[in-house]
């Protein structure tokens, strides 16, 4: 099983960008689908974006389509979330997750994932 660690969060003004990184340790990273979720204070954890183990298929929440891009580099055991045109409502703790049985149809299901990182805070000021 993989262990995950996020980095790249921070404080940014509305309209700005951040690139979040999820680094995996352990073997077989290339066999895991990878996704990003986020959780704002007082709200449930929600799906943001996901990418299959091949990297050929991606899914996005409607709220981030056209602004966020998920990618992965299996040679580096790393997944990324490029966030552009950030809005105050994007403020949350962002988590990466890995799942071996996750496919395109199940990416948004929080219960499908085998491993989670500790999260990185993204704060967008207005």
N, C-alpha and C. Protein backbone atom coordinates (compact mmCIF):
# COMPACT_ATOMS: atom_id res chain seq x y z
N UNK A 1 0.84 -1.19 0.00
CA UNK A 1 0.00 0.00 0.00
C UNK A 1 0.87 1.24 0.00
N UNK A 2 0.37 2.29 -0.61
CA UNK A 2 1.14 3.53 -0.68
C UNK A 2 0.85 4.42 0.52
N UNK A 3 1.80 5.27 0.82
CA UNK A 3 1.61 6.35 1.78
C UNK A 3 1.71 7.66 1.01
N UNK A 4 0.86 8.62 1.37
CA UNK A 4 0.73 9.84 0.59
C UNK A 4 1.06 11.07 1.43
N UNK A 5 1.67 12.06 0.78
CA UNK A 5 1.97 13.32 1.45
C UNK A 5 1.72 14.46 0.47
N UNK A 6 0.88 15.42 0.89
CA UNK A 6 0.57 16.58 0.05
C UNK A 6 1.49 17.75 0.40
N UNK A 7 1.69 18.61 -0.58
CA UNK A 7 2.43 19.85 -0.37
C UNK A 7 1.94 20.86 -1.40
N UNK A 8 2.32 22.12 -1.19
CA UNK A 8 2.02 23.15 -2.17
C UNK A 8 0.88 24.07 -1.82
N UNK A 9 0.21 23.81 -0.70
CA UNK A 9 -0.86 24.71 -0.30
C UNK A 9 -0.32 26.03 0.19
N UNK A 10 -1.23 26.96 0.45
CA UNK A 10 -0.81 28.27 0.94
C UNK A 10 -1.93 29.28 0.85
N UNK A 11 -1.55 30.53 1.04
CA UNK A 11 -2.48 31.67 0.97
C UNK A 11 -2.29 32.37 -0.36
N UNK A 12 -3.37 32.59 -1.08
CA UNK A 12 -3.29 33.23 -2.39
C UNK A 12 -4.50 34.14 -2.57
N UNK A 13 -4.33 35.18 -3.34
CA UNK A 13 -5.44 36.08 -3.62
C UNK A 13 -6.36 35.47 -4.68
N UNK A 14 -7.61 35.90 -4.65
CA UNK A 14 -8.56 35.44 -5.67
C UNK A 14 -7.99 35.73 -7.06
N UNK A 15 -8.16 34.74 -7.95
CA UNK A 15 -7.61 34.84 -9.29
C UNK A 15 -6.23 34.24 -9.43
N UNK A 16 -5.61 33.92 -8.32
CA UNK A 16 -4.27 33.35 -8.33
C UNK A 16 -4.26 31.86 -8.58
N UNK A 17 -3.05 31.29 -8.49
CA UNK A 17 -2.85 29.86 -8.80
C UNK A 17 -1.97 29.21 -7.75
N UNK A 18 -2.16 27.93 -7.59
CA UNK A 18 -1.29 27.09 -6.78
C UNK A 18 -1.17 25.74 -7.46
N UNK A 19 -0.02 25.10 -7.29
CA UNK A 19 0.14 23.74 -7.78
C UNK A 19 0.36 22.83 -6.58
N UNK A 20 -0.58 21.95 -6.35
CA UNK A 20 -0.50 21.00 -5.26
C UNK A 20 0.18 19.73 -5.74
N UNK A 21 0.99 19.16 -4.87
CA UNK A 21 1.73 17.95 -5.19
C UNK A 21 1.41 16.85 -4.18
N UNK A 22 1.21 15.66 -4.68
CA UNK A 22 0.99 14.49 -3.83
C UNK A 22 2.10 13.49 -4.13
N UNK A 23 2.94 13.25 -3.15
CA UNK A 23 4.06 12.33 -3.32
C UNK A 23 3.76 11.03 -2.61
N UNK A 24 3.95 9.93 -3.32
CA UNK A 24 3.65 8.61 -2.78
C UNK A 24 4.92 7.83 -2.48
N UNK A 25 4.91 7.16 -1.36
CA UNK A 25 5.97 6.21 -1.06
C UNK A 25 5.36 4.81 -1.03
N UNK A 26 6.20 3.80 -1.20
CA UNK A 26 5.69 2.45 -1.33
C UNK A 26 5.69 2.02 -2.78
N UNK A 27 5.31 0.81 -3.00
CA UNK A 27 5.39 0.25 -4.34
C UNK A 27 4.06 0.31 -5.09
N UNK A 28 4.14 0.13 -6.33
CA UNK A 28 2.96 -0.04 -7.19
C UNK A 28 2.12 1.21 -7.32
N UNK A 29 2.74 2.38 -7.18
CA UNK A 29 1.99 3.63 -7.33
C UNK A 29 1.26 3.65 -8.67
N UNK A 30 1.90 3.12 -9.70
CA UNK A 30 1.33 3.21 -11.04
C UNK A 30 0.06 2.38 -11.19
N UNK A 31 -0.28 1.57 -10.21
CA UNK A 31 -1.50 0.77 -10.29
C UNK A 31 -2.68 1.43 -9.59
N UNK A 32 -2.46 2.59 -8.99
CA UNK A 32 -3.50 3.29 -8.24
C UNK A 32 -4.09 4.44 -9.04
N UNK A 33 -5.40 4.54 -9.05
CA UNK A 33 -6.02 5.78 -9.47
C UNK A 33 -5.76 6.82 -8.37
N UNK A 34 -5.63 8.07 -8.78
CA UNK A 34 -5.34 9.13 -7.83
C UNK A 34 -6.40 10.22 -7.95
N UNK A 35 -6.80 10.74 -6.80
CA UNK A 35 -7.79 11.80 -6.80
C UNK A 35 -7.45 12.85 -5.75
N UNK A 36 -8.06 14.01 -5.93
CA UNK A 36 -8.00 15.08 -4.95
C UNK A 36 -9.41 15.34 -4.43
N UNK A 37 -9.50 15.47 -3.12
CA UNK A 37 -10.73 15.85 -2.45
C UNK A 37 -10.42 17.11 -1.65
N UNK A 38 -11.46 17.78 -1.19
CA UNK A 38 -11.25 18.93 -0.32
C UNK A 38 -12.34 18.98 0.73
N UNK A 39 -12.01 19.62 1.85
CA UNK A 39 -12.97 19.76 2.93
C UNK A 39 -12.84 21.14 3.53
N UNK A 40 -13.92 21.90 3.46
CA UNK A 40 -13.99 23.22 4.05
C UNK A 40 -14.56 23.10 5.46
N UNK A 41 -14.30 24.08 6.32
CA UNK A 41 -14.82 24.00 7.70
C UNK A 41 -16.34 23.84 7.72
N UNK A 42 -16.80 22.87 8.48
CA UNK A 42 -18.23 22.64 8.61
C UNK A 42 -18.88 21.95 7.44
N UNK A 43 -18.09 21.51 6.48
CA UNK A 43 -18.67 20.86 5.29
C UNK A 43 -18.10 19.46 5.14
N UNK A 44 -18.78 18.64 4.35
CA UNK A 44 -18.30 17.30 4.11
C UNK A 44 -17.16 17.33 3.09
N UNK A 45 -16.36 16.27 3.12
CA UNK A 45 -15.28 16.16 2.15
C UNK A 45 -15.88 15.91 0.78
N UNK A 46 -15.40 16.64 -0.23
CA UNK A 46 -15.96 16.54 -1.56
C UNK A 46 -14.89 16.25 -2.60
N UNK A 47 -15.31 15.54 -3.63
CA UNK A 47 -14.45 15.21 -4.75
C UNK A 47 -14.10 16.46 -5.55
N UNK A 48 -12.85 16.55 -5.96
CA UNK A 48 -12.40 17.67 -6.78
C UNK A 48 -12.00 17.19 -8.17
N UNK A 49 -11.08 16.22 -8.22
CA UNK A 49 -10.58 15.74 -9.51
C UNK A 49 -9.95 14.37 -9.32
N UNK A 50 -9.98 13.56 -10.38
CA UNK A 50 -9.38 12.24 -10.32
C UNK A 50 -8.77 11.85 -11.64
N UNK A 51 -7.80 10.93 -11.59
CA UNK A 51 -7.12 10.46 -12.79
C UNK A 51 -6.90 8.95 -12.65
N UNK A 52 -7.16 8.23 -13.72
CA UNK A 52 -6.98 6.78 -13.67
C UNK A 52 -5.51 6.41 -13.61
N UNK A 53 -5.22 5.13 -13.34
CA UNK A 53 -3.83 4.73 -13.18
C UNK A 53 -3.04 4.90 -14.45
N UNK A 54 -3.72 4.82 -15.60
CA UNK A 54 -3.03 5.01 -16.88
C UNK A 54 -2.79 6.48 -17.18
N UNK A 55 -3.58 7.33 -16.55
CA UNK A 55 -3.50 8.75 -16.86
C UNK A 55 -4.35 9.15 -18.05
N UNK A 56 -5.02 8.19 -18.66
CA UNK A 56 -5.77 8.48 -19.88
C UNK A 56 -7.13 9.11 -19.61
N UNK A 57 -7.67 8.92 -18.42
CA UNK A 57 -9.00 9.42 -18.12
C UNK A 57 -8.97 10.28 -16.87
N UNK A 58 -9.65 11.42 -16.94
CA UNK A 58 -9.75 12.32 -15.80
C UNK A 58 -11.20 12.72 -15.59
N UNK A 59 -11.54 13.02 -14.35
CA UNK A 59 -12.86 13.54 -14.00
C UNK A 59 -12.68 14.77 -13.13
N UNK A 60 -13.64 15.67 -13.23
CA UNK A 60 -13.59 16.90 -12.43
C UNK A 60 -14.97 17.21 -11.86
N UNK A 61 -14.98 17.78 -10.68
CA UNK A 61 -16.22 18.34 -10.16
C UNK A 61 -16.61 19.54 -11.02
N UNK A 62 -17.90 19.75 -11.17
CA UNK A 62 -18.37 20.86 -12.01
C UNK A 62 -17.82 22.19 -11.53
N UNK A 63 -17.63 22.32 -10.24
CA UNK A 63 -17.20 23.60 -9.67
C UNK A 63 -15.78 23.97 -10.04
N UNK A 64 -14.99 23.01 -10.51
CA UNK A 64 -13.59 23.31 -10.83
C UNK A 64 -13.24 23.08 -12.30
N UNK A 65 -14.19 22.59 -13.08
CA UNK A 65 -13.91 22.35 -14.50
C UNK A 65 -13.45 23.61 -15.19
N UNK A 66 -12.40 23.48 -15.98
CA UNK A 66 -11.86 24.62 -16.70
C UNK A 66 -10.87 25.44 -15.89
N UNK A 67 -10.78 25.19 -14.59
CA UNK A 67 -9.86 25.94 -13.73
C UNK A 67 -8.76 25.05 -13.14
N UNK A 68 -9.10 23.83 -12.83
CA UNK A 68 -8.14 22.90 -12.22
C UNK A 68 -7.75 21.82 -13.22
N UNK A 69 -6.52 21.32 -13.09
CA UNK A 69 -6.04 20.24 -13.94
C UNK A 69 -5.28 19.23 -13.09
N UNK A 70 -5.69 17.97 -13.18
CA UNK A 70 -5.00 16.90 -12.47
C UNK A 70 -4.06 16.19 -13.45
N UNK A 71 -2.91 15.78 -12.94
CA UNK A 71 -1.96 15.04 -13.76
C UNK A 71 -1.16 14.12 -12.85
N UNK A 72 -0.39 13.24 -13.46
CA UNK A 72 0.45 12.33 -12.67
C UNK A 72 1.73 12.03 -13.43
N UNK A 73 2.76 11.68 -12.67
CA UNK A 73 4.02 11.24 -13.24
C UNK A 73 4.39 9.95 -12.52
N UNK A 74 4.10 8.83 -13.15
CA UNK A 74 4.32 7.54 -12.48
C UNK A 74 5.80 7.27 -12.22
N UNK A 75 6.67 7.84 -13.04
CA UNK A 75 8.11 7.65 -12.83
C UNK A 75 8.58 8.34 -11.55
N UNK A 76 7.83 9.37 -11.12
CA UNK A 76 8.20 10.11 -9.92
C UNK A 76 7.29 9.81 -8.74
N UNK A 77 6.37 8.86 -8.92
CA UNK A 77 5.40 8.53 -7.85
C UNK A 77 4.67 9.77 -7.35
N UNK A 78 4.25 10.60 -8.28
CA UNK A 78 3.68 11.90 -7.91
C UNK A 78 2.43 12.20 -8.72
N UNK A 79 1.47 12.82 -8.04
CA UNK A 79 0.28 13.36 -8.69
C UNK A 79 0.22 14.85 -8.39
N UNK A 80 -0.40 15.58 -9.29
CA UNK A 80 -0.44 17.04 -9.17
C UNK A 80 -1.87 17.54 -9.34
N UNK A 81 -2.12 18.70 -8.77
CA UNK A 81 -3.36 19.43 -9.03
C UNK A 81 -2.98 20.89 -9.27
N UNK A 82 -3.07 21.30 -10.52
CA UNK A 82 -2.85 22.69 -10.86
C UNK A 82 -4.16 23.44 -10.69
N UNK A 83 -4.15 24.44 -9.83
CA UNK A 83 -5.36 25.20 -9.55
C UNK A 83 -5.17 26.62 -10.05
N UNK A 84 -6.04 27.05 -10.95
CA UNK A 84 -5.99 28.40 -11.53
C UNK A 84 -7.29 29.14 -11.26
N UNK A 85 -7.24 30.45 -11.41
CA UNK A 85 -8.44 31.29 -11.22
C UNK A 85 -9.13 30.95 -9.90
N UNK A 86 -8.36 30.89 -8.85
CA UNK A 86 -8.90 30.48 -7.56
C UNK A 86 -9.92 31.48 -7.04
N UNK A 87 -10.91 30.95 -6.34
CA UNK A 87 -11.98 31.74 -5.76
C UNK A 87 -11.99 31.53 -4.24
N UNK A 88 -12.54 32.47 -3.50
CA UNK A 88 -12.62 32.27 -2.04
C UNK A 88 -13.32 30.97 -1.65
N UNK A 89 -14.28 30.54 -2.44
CA UNK A 89 -14.99 29.30 -2.13
C UNK A 89 -14.14 28.05 -2.37
N UNK A 90 -12.96 28.20 -2.94
CA UNK A 90 -12.03 27.08 -3.07
C UNK A 90 -11.24 26.84 -1.78
N UNK A 91 -11.38 27.73 -0.81
CA UNK A 91 -10.67 27.58 0.45
C UNK A 91 -11.08 26.30 1.15
N UNK A 92 -10.08 25.48 1.48
CA UNK A 92 -10.34 24.18 2.09
C UNK A 92 -9.01 23.49 2.37
N UNK A 93 -9.08 22.39 3.09
CA UNK A 93 -7.95 21.48 3.17
C UNK A 93 -8.08 20.50 2.02
N UNK A 94 -7.02 20.37 1.25
CA UNK A 94 -7.02 19.50 0.08
C UNK A 94 -6.28 18.21 0.40
N UNK A 95 -6.92 17.09 0.08
CA UNK A 95 -6.38 15.77 0.35
C UNK A 95 -6.18 15.00 -0.95
N UNK A 96 -5.09 14.28 -1.05
CA UNK A 96 -4.98 13.34 -2.15
C UNK A 96 -5.32 11.94 -1.64
N UNK A 97 -5.80 11.12 -2.55
CA UNK A 97 -6.25 9.77 -2.21
C UNK A 97 -5.85 8.82 -3.33
N UNK A 98 -5.59 7.57 -2.95
CA UNK A 98 -5.19 6.54 -3.91
C UNK A 98 -6.10 5.33 -3.76
N UNK A 99 -6.51 4.79 -4.89
CA UNK A 99 -7.39 3.63 -4.86
C UNK A 99 -7.06 2.67 -5.98
N UNK A 100 -6.90 1.39 -5.66
CA UNK A 100 -6.56 0.40 -6.68
C UNK A 100 -7.78 -0.07 -7.45
N UNK A 101 -8.97 0.06 -6.85
CA UNK A 101 -10.18 -0.43 -7.53
C UNK A 101 -11.00 0.72 -8.11
N UNK A 102 -10.46 1.90 -8.05
CA UNK A 102 -11.21 3.08 -8.50
C UNK A 102 -11.15 3.19 -10.02
N UNK A 103 -12.30 3.39 -10.62
CA UNK A 103 -12.39 3.65 -12.04
C UNK A 103 -13.06 4.97 -12.29
N UNK A 104 -13.25 5.28 -13.54
CA UNK A 104 -13.84 6.56 -13.90
C UNK A 104 -15.22 6.73 -13.27
N UNK A 105 -15.98 5.65 -13.17
CA UNK A 105 -17.34 5.74 -12.66
C UNK A 105 -17.41 5.89 -11.15
N UNK A 106 -16.34 5.57 -10.46
CA UNK A 106 -16.37 5.56 -9.00
C UNK A 106 -15.42 6.57 -8.37
N UNK A 107 -14.82 7.41 -9.15
CA UNK A 107 -13.81 8.34 -8.63
C UNK A 107 -14.33 9.25 -7.54
N UNK A 108 -15.58 9.65 -7.63
CA UNK A 108 -16.11 10.62 -6.68
C UNK A 108 -16.54 9.99 -5.36
N UNK A 109 -16.48 8.68 -5.28
CA UNK A 109 -16.92 7.97 -4.07
C UNK A 109 -15.79 7.90 -3.06
N UNK A 110 -15.96 8.57 -1.96
CA UNK A 110 -14.92 8.68 -0.95
C UNK A 110 -14.57 7.32 -0.35
N UNK A 111 -15.48 6.38 -0.41
CA UNK A 111 -15.28 5.08 0.24
C UNK A 111 -14.45 4.11 -0.59
N UNK A 112 -14.13 4.49 -1.83
CA UNK A 112 -13.42 3.58 -2.73
C UNK A 112 -11.91 3.63 -2.57
N UNK A 113 -11.39 4.52 -1.74
CA UNK A 113 -9.96 4.78 -1.69
C UNK A 113 -9.26 4.02 -0.57
N UNK A 114 -8.04 3.62 -0.86
CA UNK A 114 -7.26 2.80 0.07
C UNK A 114 -6.32 3.62 0.96
N UNK A 115 -5.92 4.77 0.49
CA UNK A 115 -4.94 5.57 1.24
C UNK A 115 -5.23 7.04 1.07
N UNK A 116 -4.95 7.80 2.12
CA UNK A 116 -5.17 9.25 2.14
C UNK A 116 -3.95 9.95 2.70
N UNK A 117 -3.70 11.16 2.21
CA UNK A 117 -2.69 11.99 2.81
C UNK A 117 -3.25 12.78 3.97
N UNK A 118 -2.39 13.59 4.59
CA UNK A 118 -2.79 14.37 5.76
C UNK A 118 -3.44 15.70 5.39
N UNK A 119 -3.30 16.10 4.14
CA UNK A 119 -3.96 17.32 3.70
C UNK A 119 -3.03 18.52 3.67
N UNK A 120 -3.36 19.47 2.80
CA UNK A 120 -2.65 20.73 2.72
C UNK A 120 -3.67 21.85 2.61
N UNK A 121 -3.46 22.92 3.38
CA UNK A 121 -4.43 24.00 3.46
C UNK A 121 -4.27 24.94 2.27
N UNK A 122 -5.39 25.24 1.62
CA UNK A 122 -5.45 26.26 0.58
C UNK A 122 -6.41 27.34 1.05
N UNK A 123 -5.93 28.57 1.12
CA UNK A 123 -6.75 29.69 1.54
C UNK A 123 -6.73 30.75 0.46
N UNK A 124 -7.90 31.13 -0.02
CA UNK A 124 -8.02 32.12 -1.08
C UNK A 124 -8.69 33.36 -0.50
N UNK A 125 -8.00 34.46 -0.54
CA UNK A 125 -8.53 35.71 0.01
C UNK A 125 -9.22 36.51 -1.10
N UNK A 126 -10.25 37.25 -0.71
CA UNK A 126 -11.00 38.02 -1.69
C UNK A 126 -10.43 39.42 -1.87
